[in-house]
Amino acid sequence: MPESAERVSENSPTYREFTRLYDLARQLRPTGFDRWNRELYETSGRGGFDQDTGAIGIHQPLLREELTRHPTATPRRQARALATVLNRVTQGD
C-alpha cells in the first residue's frame, strides 16, 4: 500500500522550522547543489526524498509533533525528527 502525503503550507510554523533546520544543515555541510524543490509533505509512511521531483516527505507525527524549537516531553523523538531532517539534506545532495 503506497503512503499518502499532504503538502505542508509554506506559511506554517512546521514548514518554517523544517526550512530553518534544512538551511542550517546545508550551511554546515555545503555541497554546491541543492535538489530540494521546496515542497514539503507530511506522509503516512517514512517519507523520503523524491529523486524525480525534488520533494521531501516526513512521517506526519515526527513532522507535526516533534519538529519544534521548543523542548518536548519526548526528547528522543525530537532528536529523531532532527535526524530525519539531516537525513533528507544528505538525500538531496
Protein backbone atom coordinates (compact mmCIF):
# COMPACT_ATOMS: atom_id res chain seq x y z
CA MET A 1 0.00 0.00 0.00
CA PRO A 2 1.56 3.33 -1.01
CA GLU A 3 1.82 6.01 1.62
CA SER A 4 -0.41 9.04 1.49
CA ALA A 5 1.04 12.54 1.54
CA GLU A 6 -0.29 16.03 2.15
CA ARG A 7 1.63 19.15 1.23
CA VAL A 8 2.69 21.36 4.16
CA SER A 9 1.84 25.04 3.73
CA GLU A 10 4.84 27.31 3.33
CA ASN A 11 3.20 29.71 5.81
CA SER A 12 3.02 27.13 8.59
CA PRO A 13 5.36 27.07 11.61
CA THR A 14 6.19 23.44 10.74
CA TYR A 15 7.40 24.39 7.26
CA ARG A 16 9.39 27.35 8.58
CA GLU A 17 11.10 25.19 11.23
CA PHE A 18 11.92 22.46 8.70
CA THR A 19 13.35 25.06 6.32
CA ARG A 20 15.39 26.67 9.11
CA LEU A 21 16.93 23.33 10.06
CA TYR A 22 17.41 22.29 6.44
CA ASP A 23 19.24 25.51 5.60
CA LEU A 24 21.36 25.26 8.74
CA ALA A 25 22.37 21.70 7.87
CA ARG A 26 23.31 22.81 4.34
CA GLN A 27 25.47 25.58 5.77
CA LEU A 28 27.26 23.07 7.99
CA ARG A 29 27.78 20.70 5.07
CA PRO A 30 27.74 22.72 1.84
CA THR A 31 27.58 20.71 -1.36
CA GLY A 32 27.12 23.38 -4.00
CA PHE A 33 23.96 21.75 -5.35
CA ASP A 34 20.56 21.61 -3.67
CA ARG A 35 17.93 19.45 -5.35
CA TRP A 36 15.08 20.16 -2.89
CA ASN A 37 12.28 21.92 -4.80
CA ARG A 38 10.92 23.48 -1.56
CA GLU A 39 7.89 21.17 -1.46
CA LEU A 40 7.43 19.52 1.94
CA TYR A 41 4.92 16.74 2.57
CA GLU A 42 3.66 15.06 5.71
CA THR A 43 3.37 11.37 4.96
CA SER A 44 1.63 8.36 6.43
CA GLY A 45 4.80 6.32 5.92
CA ARG A 46 8.51 7.02 6.32
CA GLY A 47 8.67 9.63 3.59
CA GLY A 48 11.95 10.41 1.90
CA PHE A 49 13.47 12.46 -0.87
CA ASP A 50 11.76 12.12 -4.26
CA GLN A 51 14.62 11.93 -6.76
CA ASP A 52 12.29 12.76 -9.68
CA THR A 53 10.54 15.85 -8.30
CA GLY A 54 12.85 17.06 -5.53
CA ALA A 55 10.05 16.98 -2.94
CA ILE A 56 10.69 15.90 0.65
CA GLY A 57 8.32 13.83 2.77
CA ILE A 58 8.48 13.22 6.52
CA HIS A 59 6.29 10.97 8.63
CA GLN A 60 3.40 13.10 9.90
CA PRO A 61 3.81 12.60 13.69
CA LEU A 62 7.52 13.45 13.55
CA LEU A 63 6.91 16.48 11.40
CA ARG A 64 3.91 17.91 13.25
CA GLU A 65 4.62 16.96 16.86
CA GLU A 66 8.38 16.65 17.26
CA LEU A 67 9.97 19.07 14.80
CA THR A 68 9.95 22.12 17.03
CA ARG A 69 12.34 24.61 18.57
CA HIS A 70 10.73 24.08 21.96
CA PRO A 71 11.59 21.22 24.32
CA THR A 72 9.09 18.39 24.20
CA ALA A 73 8.08 15.66 26.62
CA THR A 74 9.83 13.17 24.34
CA PRO A 75 13.38 14.37 23.65
CA ARG A 76 14.27 11.11 21.86
CA ARG A 77 11.51 11.68 19.32
CA GLN A 78 12.59 15.30 18.93
CA ALA A 79 16.13 14.11 18.25
CA ARG A 80 14.75 11.58 15.76
CA ALA A 81 12.90 14.39 13.96
CA LEU A 82 16.11 16.40 13.73
CA ALA A 83 17.99 13.34 12.47
CA THR A 84 15.31 12.90 9.81
CA VAL A 85 15.84 16.46 8.57
CA LEU A 86 19.59 15.88 8.40
CA ASN A 87 18.98 12.64 6.51
CA ARG A 88 16.78 14.41 3.94
CA VAL A 89 19.53 17.01 3.40
CA THR A 90 22.02 14.30 2.52
CA GLN A 91 19.50 12.55 0.26
CA GLY A 92 19.09 15.75 -1.73
CA ASP A 93 22.81 16.13 -2.48
